[in-house]
Amino acid sequence: MEIVQSLLSKMGIFRKPQMKALTTLFATILIACGKINFANLSRYSALSEKTYRRQFHFALFNAEIIKAATPLYHPMIAVMDCSFIAKSGKKTFGLDQFYNGSHSRVERGLEVSLVGVVDVETEVGYALLAE
């Protein structure tokens, strides 16, 4: 975890509580069984589910990782991709009518939007944020 701590401190965009939460998060992901969600992560670490939710800001972290992974002179373009998730029920947050491209029609479910960047020279895409 020293590698993660040194990388986070080099970035200079995180305060001490955020650094602690992120280093704990990465260590816990490696040992957690089952699905990786905030409730399950809190079972395998000393941090609560609420702490994970408060400290979970990965857009800045992902942007810094992308800067470190790609040369500065490579041209980059921003991209957005929307995916449909079929969902039944009435109490799911965000449940509405969305376009399902695989069926070419509007259906009831959830939509996940991903914002990313693509390195034009290497043709590699990097995810910034998913909502």
N, C-alpha and C. Protein backbone atom coordinates (compact mmCIF):
# COMPACT_ATOMS: atom_id res chain seq x y z
N MET A 1 0.81 -1.20 0.00
CA MET A 1 0.00 0.00 0.00
C MET A 1 0.85 1.26 0.00
N GLU A 2 2.18 1.11 0.19
CA GLU A 2 3.06 2.27 0.13
C GLU A 2 3.04 2.90 -1.26
N ILE A 3 2.88 2.06 -2.28
CA ILE A 3 2.84 2.58 -3.65
C ILE A 3 1.61 3.48 -3.83
N VAL A 4 0.47 3.03 -3.33
CA VAL A 4 -0.76 3.81 -3.44
C VAL A 4 -0.63 5.11 -2.66
N GLN A 5 -0.09 5.04 -1.44
CA GLN A 5 0.07 6.25 -0.63
C GLN A 5 1.02 7.24 -1.28
N SER A 6 2.11 6.76 -1.87
CA SER A 6 3.05 7.68 -2.52
C SER A 6 2.43 8.30 -3.76
N LEU A 7 1.66 7.52 -4.51
CA LEU A 7 0.99 8.06 -5.69
C LEU A 7 -0.04 9.12 -5.29
N LEU A 8 -0.82 8.85 -4.26
CA LEU A 8 -1.83 9.82 -3.80
C LEU A 8 -1.18 11.09 -3.26
N SER A 9 -0.07 10.94 -2.55
CA SER A 9 0.59 12.14 -2.02
C SER A 9 1.24 12.95 -3.13
N LYS A 10 1.74 12.30 -4.19
CA LYS A 10 2.32 13.02 -5.33
C LYS A 10 1.26 13.85 -6.05
N MET A 11 0.05 13.34 -6.09
CA MET A 11 -1.03 14.06 -6.77
C MET A 11 -1.34 15.38 -6.08
N GLY A 12 -1.28 15.39 -4.77
CA GLY A 12 -1.50 16.62 -4.01
C GLY A 12 -2.92 17.15 -4.04
N ILE A 13 -3.88 16.32 -4.41
CA ILE A 13 -5.27 16.79 -4.49
C ILE A 13 -6.14 16.20 -3.39
N PHE A 14 -5.56 15.31 -2.57
CA PHE A 14 -6.33 14.65 -1.52
C PHE A 14 -5.86 15.09 -0.15
N ARG A 15 -6.82 15.24 0.76
CA ARG A 15 -6.51 15.50 2.15
C ARG A 15 -6.27 14.16 2.85
N LYS A 16 -5.82 14.23 4.10
CA LYS A 16 -5.47 13.02 4.84
C LYS A 16 -6.63 12.03 4.99
N PRO A 17 -7.87 12.48 5.31
CA PRO A 17 -8.97 11.51 5.41
C PRO A 17 -9.29 10.81 4.09
N GLN A 18 -9.17 11.55 2.99
CA GLN A 18 -9.41 10.94 1.69
C GLN A 18 -8.32 9.93 1.34
N MET A 19 -7.09 10.25 1.67
CA MET A 19 -5.99 9.32 1.41
C MET A 19 -6.16 8.05 2.22
N LYS A 20 -6.58 8.19 3.48
CA LYS A 20 -6.80 7.01 4.32
C LYS A 20 -7.93 6.15 3.76
N ALA A 21 -9.02 6.79 3.33
CA ALA A 21 -10.16 6.05 2.80
C ALA A 21 -9.78 5.34 1.49
N LEU A 22 -9.03 6.00 0.62
CA LEU A 22 -8.65 5.39 -0.65
C LEU A 22 -7.67 4.23 -0.47
N THR A 23 -6.68 4.39 0.40
CA THR A 23 -5.75 3.28 0.64
C THR A 23 -6.46 2.09 1.28
N THR A 24 -7.39 2.36 2.19
CA THR A 24 -8.18 1.29 2.79
C THR A 24 -9.06 0.63 1.75
N LEU A 25 -9.64 1.44 0.86
CA LEU A 25 -10.50 0.91 -0.20
C LEU A 25 -9.74 -0.06 -1.09
N PHE A 26 -8.56 0.33 -1.56
CA PHE A 26 -7.80 -0.53 -2.47
C PHE A 26 -7.36 -1.83 -1.78
N ALA A 27 -7.00 -1.75 -0.51
CA ALA A 27 -6.61 -2.96 0.23
C ALA A 27 -7.82 -3.86 0.46
N THR A 28 -8.97 -3.26 0.75
CA THR A 28 -10.17 -4.04 1.05
C THR A 28 -10.72 -4.71 -0.21
N ILE A 29 -10.61 -4.07 -1.35
CA ILE A 29 -11.09 -4.68 -2.60
C ILE A 29 -10.36 -6.00 -2.86
N LEU A 30 -9.10 -6.07 -2.48
CA LEU A 30 -8.31 -7.29 -2.72
C LEU A 30 -8.74 -8.45 -1.83
N ILE A 31 -9.32 -8.17 -0.65
CA ILE A 31 -9.67 -9.24 0.27
C ILE A 31 -11.16 -9.50 0.40
N ALA A 32 -11.99 -8.62 -0.13
CA ALA A 32 -13.44 -8.76 0.03
C ALA A 32 -13.97 -9.92 -0.81
N CYS A 33 -14.93 -10.63 -0.25
CA CYS A 33 -15.60 -11.72 -0.96
C CYS A 33 -16.95 -11.21 -1.47
N GLY A 34 -17.37 -11.68 -2.61
CA GLY A 34 -18.67 -11.30 -3.15
C GLY A 34 -18.60 -9.99 -3.91
N LYS A 35 -19.74 -9.32 -3.99
CA LYS A 35 -19.83 -8.07 -4.73
C LYS A 35 -19.05 -6.96 -4.02
N ILE A 36 -18.50 -6.07 -4.81
CA ILE A 36 -17.78 -4.93 -4.25
C ILE A 36 -18.73 -3.75 -4.23
N ASN A 37 -19.34 -3.50 -3.08
CA ASN A 37 -20.18 -2.32 -2.87
C ASN A 37 -19.83 -1.76 -1.50
N PHE A 38 -20.37 -0.59 -1.19
CA PHE A 38 -19.98 0.08 0.05
C PHE A 38 -20.35 -0.74 1.28
N ALA A 39 -21.52 -1.38 1.28
CA ALA A 39 -21.95 -2.18 2.43
C ALA A 39 -21.00 -3.35 2.64
N ASN A 40 -20.62 -4.02 1.56
CA ASN A 40 -19.73 -5.17 1.69
C ASN A 40 -18.31 -4.74 2.07
N LEU A 41 -17.85 -3.60 1.54
CA LEU A 41 -16.52 -3.12 1.90
C LEU A 41 -16.44 -2.80 3.39
N SER A 42 -17.53 -2.25 3.96
CA SER A 42 -17.52 -1.90 5.38
C SER A 42 -17.44 -3.15 6.26
N ARG A 43 -17.89 -4.28 5.76
CA ARG A 43 -17.79 -5.54 6.53
C ARG A 43 -16.35 -6.02 6.67
N TYR A 44 -15.54 -5.72 5.68
CA TYR A 44 -14.16 -6.22 5.64
C TYR A 44 -13.13 -5.19 6.04
N SER A 45 -13.54 -4.01 6.49
CA SER A 45 -12.58 -2.99 6.89
C SER A 45 -13.08 -2.25 8.13
N ALA A 46 -12.25 -1.36 8.63
CA ALA A 46 -12.60 -0.58 9.82
C ALA A 46 -13.45 0.64 9.48
N LEU A 47 -13.57 0.96 8.21
CA LEU A 47 -14.35 2.13 7.79
C LEU A 47 -15.82 1.76 7.61
N SER A 48 -16.68 2.72 7.88
CA SER A 48 -18.12 2.48 7.75
C SER A 48 -18.56 2.71 6.30
N GLU A 49 -19.76 2.24 6.00
CA GLU A 49 -20.34 2.45 4.68
C GLU A 49 -20.48 3.94 4.38
N LYS A 50 -20.85 4.70 5.39
CA LYS A 50 -21.03 6.14 5.23
C LYS A 50 -19.71 6.83 4.86
N THR A 51 -18.62 6.38 5.46
CA THR A 51 -17.30 6.95 5.16
C THR A 51 -16.93 6.69 3.70
N TYR A 52 -17.16 5.47 3.23
CA TYR A 52 -16.87 5.16 1.83
C TYR A 52 -17.68 6.05 0.91
N ARG A 53 -18.96 6.24 1.22
CA ARG A 53 -19.82 7.07 0.37
C ARG A 53 -19.34 8.52 0.33
N ARG A 54 -18.92 9.04 1.46
CA ARG A 54 -18.47 10.44 1.53
C ARG A 54 -17.16 10.67 0.79
N GLN A 55 -16.26 9.70 0.84
CA GLN A 55 -14.93 9.88 0.28
C GLN A 55 -14.79 9.37 -1.15
N PHE A 56 -15.87 8.94 -1.74
CA PHE A 56 -15.80 8.29 -3.05
C PHE A 56 -15.91 9.31 -4.17
N HIS A 57 -14.79 9.97 -4.49
CA HIS A 57 -14.71 10.93 -5.58
C HIS A 57 -13.57 10.49 -6.49
N PHE A 58 -13.92 9.74 -7.51
CA PHE A 58 -12.86 9.17 -8.34
C PHE A 58 -12.57 9.93 -9.62
N ALA A 59 -13.35 10.95 -9.96
CA ALA A 59 -13.09 11.66 -11.21
C ALA A 59 -11.71 12.31 -11.19
N LEU A 60 -11.36 12.99 -10.09
CA LEU A 60 -10.03 13.61 -9.99
C LEU A 60 -8.93 12.56 -9.96
N PHE A 61 -9.15 11.50 -9.21
CA PHE A 61 -8.17 10.43 -9.11
C PHE A 61 -7.93 9.79 -10.49
N ASN A 62 -9.01 9.48 -11.19
CA ASN A 62 -8.88 8.87 -12.52
C ASN A 62 -8.18 9.81 -13.49
N ALA A 63 -8.47 11.10 -13.42
CA ALA A 63 -7.82 12.07 -14.30
C ALA A 63 -6.31 12.10 -14.04
N GLU A 64 -5.91 12.06 -12.78
CA GLU A 64 -4.47 12.07 -12.45
C GLU A 64 -3.80 10.78 -12.90
N ILE A 65 -4.48 9.64 -12.77
CA ILE A 65 -3.92 8.37 -13.24
C ILE A 65 -3.74 8.39 -14.76
N ILE A 66 -4.72 8.94 -15.46
CA ILE A 66 -4.63 9.03 -16.93
C ILE A 66 -3.47 9.92 -17.34
N LYS A 67 -3.29 11.05 -16.63
CA LYS A 67 -2.16 11.94 -16.93
C LYS A 67 -0.83 11.21 -16.74
N ALA A 68 -0.74 10.40 -15.68
CA ALA A 68 0.50 9.67 -15.41
C ALA A 68 0.73 8.54 -16.42
N ALA A 69 -0.35 7.99 -16.98
CA ALA A 69 -0.23 6.83 -17.87
C ALA A 69 -0.02 7.19 -19.32
N THR A 70 -0.32 8.43 -19.70
CA THR A 70 -0.21 8.80 -21.12
C THR A 70 0.78 9.93 -21.31
N PRO A 71 1.48 9.94 -22.43
CA PRO A 71 2.39 11.06 -22.73
C PRO A 71 1.59 12.34 -22.97
N LEU A 72 2.16 13.47 -22.59
CA LEU A 72 1.47 14.75 -22.71
C LEU A 72 1.23 15.17 -24.16
N TYR A 73 2.07 14.71 -25.08
CA TYR A 73 1.97 15.15 -26.47
C TYR A 73 0.93 14.34 -27.27
N HIS A 74 0.34 13.28 -26.69
CA HIS A 74 -0.67 12.51 -27.41
C HIS A 74 -1.99 13.27 -27.43
N PRO A 75 -2.63 13.36 -28.59
CA PRO A 75 -3.95 14.00 -28.63
C PRO A 75 -5.00 13.12 -27.97
N MET A 76 -5.90 13.75 -27.21
CA MET A 76 -6.97 13.03 -26.50
C MET A 76 -8.31 13.61 -26.90
N ILE A 77 -9.32 12.77 -26.95
CA ILE A 77 -10.69 13.24 -27.19
C ILE A 77 -11.58 12.75 -26.06
N ALA A 78 -12.59 13.55 -25.74
CA ALA A 78 -13.57 13.17 -24.71
C ALA A 78 -14.68 12.35 -25.36
N VAL A 79 -15.14 11.33 -24.67
CA VAL A 79 -16.21 10.47 -25.18
C VAL A 79 -17.25 10.24 -24.09
N MET A 80 -18.45 9.89 -24.52
CA MET A 80 -19.52 9.54 -23.58
C MET A 80 -20.27 8.34 -24.15
N ASP A 81 -20.58 7.38 -23.29
CA ASP A 81 -21.29 6.20 -23.71
C ASP A 81 -22.39 5.92 -22.69
N CYS A 82 -23.59 5.66 -23.17
CA CYS A 82 -24.71 5.34 -22.30
C CYS A 82 -25.08 3.88 -22.48
N SER A 83 -25.30 3.18 -21.38
CA SER A 83 -25.69 1.78 -21.41
C SER A 83 -27.01 1.60 -20.69
N PHE A 84 -27.79 0.66 -21.14
CA PHE A 84 -29.10 0.39 -20.57
C PHE A 84 -29.03 -0.85 -19.69
N ILE A 85 -29.69 -0.80 -18.53
CA ILE A 85 -29.79 -1.94 -17.63
C ILE A 85 -31.27 -2.22 -17.41
N ALA A 86 -31.74 -3.38 -17.84
CA ALA A 86 -33.15 -3.74 -17.65
C ALA A 86 -33.41 -3.95 -16.16
N LYS A 87 -34.51 -3.41 -15.67
CA LYS A 87 -34.81 -3.48 -14.24
C LYS A 87 -36.32 -3.48 -14.06
N SER A 88 -36.81 -4.39 -13.26
CA SER A 88 -38.23 -4.39 -12.94
C SER A 88 -38.41 -3.89 -11.52
N GLY A 89 -39.64 -3.69 -11.10
CA GLY A 89 -39.90 -3.19 -9.76
C GLY A 89 -40.36 -1.75 -9.82
N LYS A 90 -40.71 -1.22 -8.66
CA LYS A 90 -41.25 0.14 -8.62
C LYS A 90 -40.46 1.07 -7.70
N LYS A 91 -39.58 0.53 -6.86
CA LYS A 91 -38.93 1.35 -5.85
C LYS A 91 -37.45 1.60 -6.11
N THR A 92 -36.94 1.21 -7.25
CA THR A 92 -35.54 1.44 -7.58
C THR A 92 -35.33 2.90 -7.94
N PHE A 93 -34.34 3.53 -7.31
CA PHE A 93 -34.05 4.94 -7.60
C PHE A 93 -33.57 5.08 -9.04
N GLY A 94 -34.10 6.05 -9.75
CA GLY A 94 -33.68 6.33 -11.12
C GLY A 94 -34.39 5.50 -12.17
N LEU A 95 -35.32 4.64 -11.77
CA LEU A 95 -36.04 3.80 -12.71
C LEU A 95 -36.93 4.66 -13.60
N ASP A 96 -36.79 4.50 -14.91
CA ASP A 96 -37.55 5.30 -15.86
C ASP A 96 -37.51 4.62 -17.23
N GLN A 97 -37.99 5.31 -18.23
CA GLN A 97 -37.98 4.81 -19.60
C GLN A 97 -36.70 5.31 -20.29
N PHE A 98 -35.89 4.39 -20.80
CA PHE A 98 -34.65 4.73 -21.50
C PHE A 98 -34.56 3.94 -22.79
N TYR A 99 -33.80 4.47 -23.72
CA TYR A 99 -33.63 3.78 -25.00
C TYR A 99 -32.67 2.61 -24.84
N ASN A 100 -33.11 1.43 -25.28
CA ASN A 100 -32.29 0.23 -25.27
C ASN A 100 -31.83 -0.02 -26.70
N GLY A 101 -30.57 0.24 -26.98
CA GLY A 101 -30.03 0.11 -28.33
C GLY A 101 -30.03 -1.31 -28.85
N SER A 102 -29.89 -2.31 -27.99
CA SER A 102 -29.86 -3.69 -28.46
C SER A 102 -31.24 -4.15 -28.94
N HIS A 103 -32.31 -3.53 -28.42
CA HIS A 103 -33.68 -3.87 -28.87
C HIS A 103 -34.27 -2.78 -29.76
N SER A 104 -33.55 -1.69 -29.93
CA SER A 104 -33.99 -0.54 -30.75
C SER A 104 -35.36 -0.01 -30.34
N ARG A 105 -35.56 0.13 -29.03
CA ARG A 105 -36.81 0.69 -28.53
C ARG A 105 -36.61 1.21 -27.11
N VAL A 106 -37.57 1.97 -26.64
CA VAL A 106 -37.55 2.51 -25.28
C VAL A 106 -38.10 1.45 -24.34
N GLU A 107 -37.38 1.21 -23.21
CA GLU A 107 -37.80 0.21 -22.23
C GLU A 107 -37.63 0.75 -20.83
N ARG A 108 -38.29 0.08 -19.89
CA ARG A 108 -38.21 0.45 -18.48
C ARG A 108 -36.92 -0.11 -17.88
N GLY A 109 -36.16 0.75 -17.23
CA GLY A 109 -34.92 0.30 -16.62
C GLY A 109 -34.07 1.46 -16.13
N LEU A 110 -32.77 1.24 -16.08
CA LEU A 110 -31.81 2.24 -15.63
C LEU A 110 -30.83 2.54 -16.75
N GLU A 111 -30.23 3.71 -16.68
CA GLU A 111 -29.21 4.08 -17.65
C GLU A 111 -27.92 4.41 -16.91
N VAL A 112 -26.82 3.91 -17.42
CA VAL A 112 -25.50 4.21 -16.88
C VAL A 112 -24.75 5.01 -17.94
N SER A 113 -24.28 6.18 -17.56
CA SER A 113 -23.52 7.03 -18.48
C SER A 113 -22.06 7.03 -18.06
N LEU A 114 -21.19 6.81 -19.02
CA LEU A 114 -19.75 6.78 -18.77
C LEU A 114 -19.11 7.91 -19.56
N VAL A 115 -18.32 8.72 -18.86
CA VAL A 115 -17.54 9.77 -19.50
C VAL A 115 -16.08 9.33 -19.45
N GLY A 116 -15.42 9.43 -20.58
CA GLY A 116 -14.04 8.99 -20.64
C GLY A 116 -13.23 9.79 -21.63
N VAL A 117 -11.98 9.43 -21.77
CA VAL A 117 -11.10 10.03 -22.77
C VAL A 117 -10.44 8.90 -23.55
N VAL A 118 -10.14 9.20 -24.83
CA VAL A 118 -9.48 8.23 -25.69
C VAL A 118 -8.18 8.84 -26.20
N ASP A 119 -7.10 8.11 -26.02
CA ASP A 119 -5.81 8.49 -26.58
C ASP A 119 -5.87 8.14 -28.07
N VAL A 120 -5.82 9.15 -28.92
CA VAL A 120 -6.02 8.96 -30.35
C VAL A 120 -4.89 8.13 -30.97
N GLU A 121 -3.66 8.34 -30.53
CA GLU A 121 -2.52 7.65 -31.15
C GLU A 121 -2.50 6.16 -30.79
N THR A 122 -2.75 5.83 -29.53
CA THR A 122 -2.69 4.42 -29.12
C THR A 122 -4.05 3.74 -29.20
N GLU A 123 -5.12 4.51 -29.42
CA GLU A 123 -6.49 4.00 -29.49
C GLU A 123 -6.90 3.26 -28.22
N VAL A 124 -6.53 3.83 -27.08
CA VAL A 124 -6.88 3.27 -25.77
C VAL A 124 -7.83 4.22 -25.07
N GLY A 125 -8.91 3.67 -24.52
CA GLY A 125 -9.88 4.48 -23.81
C GLY A 125 -9.71 4.37 -22.31
N TYR A 126 -9.94 5.47 -21.61
CA TYR A 126 -9.82 5.53 -20.15
C TYR A 126 -11.12 6.09 -19.57
N ALA A 127 -11.66 5.44 -18.58
CA ALA A 127 -12.90 5.89 -17.94
C ALA A 127 -12.59 6.96 -16.90
N LEU A 128 -13.35 8.04 -16.93
CA LEU A 128 -13.23 9.11 -15.95
C LEU A 128 -14.30 9.00 -14.87
N LEU A 129 -15.54 8.85 -15.29
CA LEU A 129 -16.65 8.91 -14.36
C LEU A 129 -17.83 8.12 -14.90
N ALA A 130 -18.48 7.34 -14.06
CA ALA A 130 -19.70 6.63 -14.43
C ALA A 130 -20.81 7.04 -13.47
N GLU A 131 -21.96 7.37 -14.01
CA GLU A 131 -23.11 7.79 -13.19
C GLU A 131 -24.31 6.98 -13.61
